[in-house]
Amino acid sequence: VSYPQPLHFALMLMKHKSRRHSFIPFRHS
């Protein structure tokens, strides 16, 4: 995994919490 451990975990968590949404809040930026 080329992604940092904390970042990878955050991304997974975001995706898991965003399963109910059709978009990823992380892209809100």
Protein backbone atom coordinates (compact mmCIF):
# COMPACT_ATOMS: atom_id res chain seq x y z
CA VAL A 1 0.00 0.00 0.00
CA SER A 2 1.57 3.26 -1.15
CA TYR A 3 -0.89 5.28 0.91
CA PRO A 4 0.02 6.31 4.48
CA GLN A 5 -1.52 4.06 7.12
CA PRO A 6 -3.64 6.80 8.81
CA LEU A 7 -4.80 8.16 5.45
CA HIS A 8 -5.70 4.70 4.17
CA PHE A 9 -7.71 4.06 7.33
CA ALA A 10 -9.47 7.41 6.98
CA LEU A 11 -10.37 6.66 3.36
CA MET A 12 -11.76 3.25 4.29
CA LEU A 13 -13.75 4.78 7.13
CA MET A 14 -15.11 7.51 4.87
CA LYS A 15 -16.16 4.98 2.23
CA HIS A 16 -17.77 2.78 4.87
CA LYS A 17 -19.75 5.72 6.27
CA SER A 18 -20.57 6.93 2.77
CA ARG A 19 -22.05 3.60 1.66
CA ARG A 20 -25.50 5.12 2.12
CA HIS A 21 -24.51 8.03 -0.11
CA SER A 22 -23.79 7.80 -3.82
CA PHE A 23 -20.90 10.24 -3.51
CA ILE A 24 -17.81 10.58 -1.32
CA PRO A 25 -17.83 13.63 1.03
CA PHE A 26 -14.04 13.63 0.73
CA ARG A 27 -14.47 15.07 -2.78
CA HIS A 28 -16.36 18.05 -1.35
CA SER A 29 -13.03 19.88 -1.40
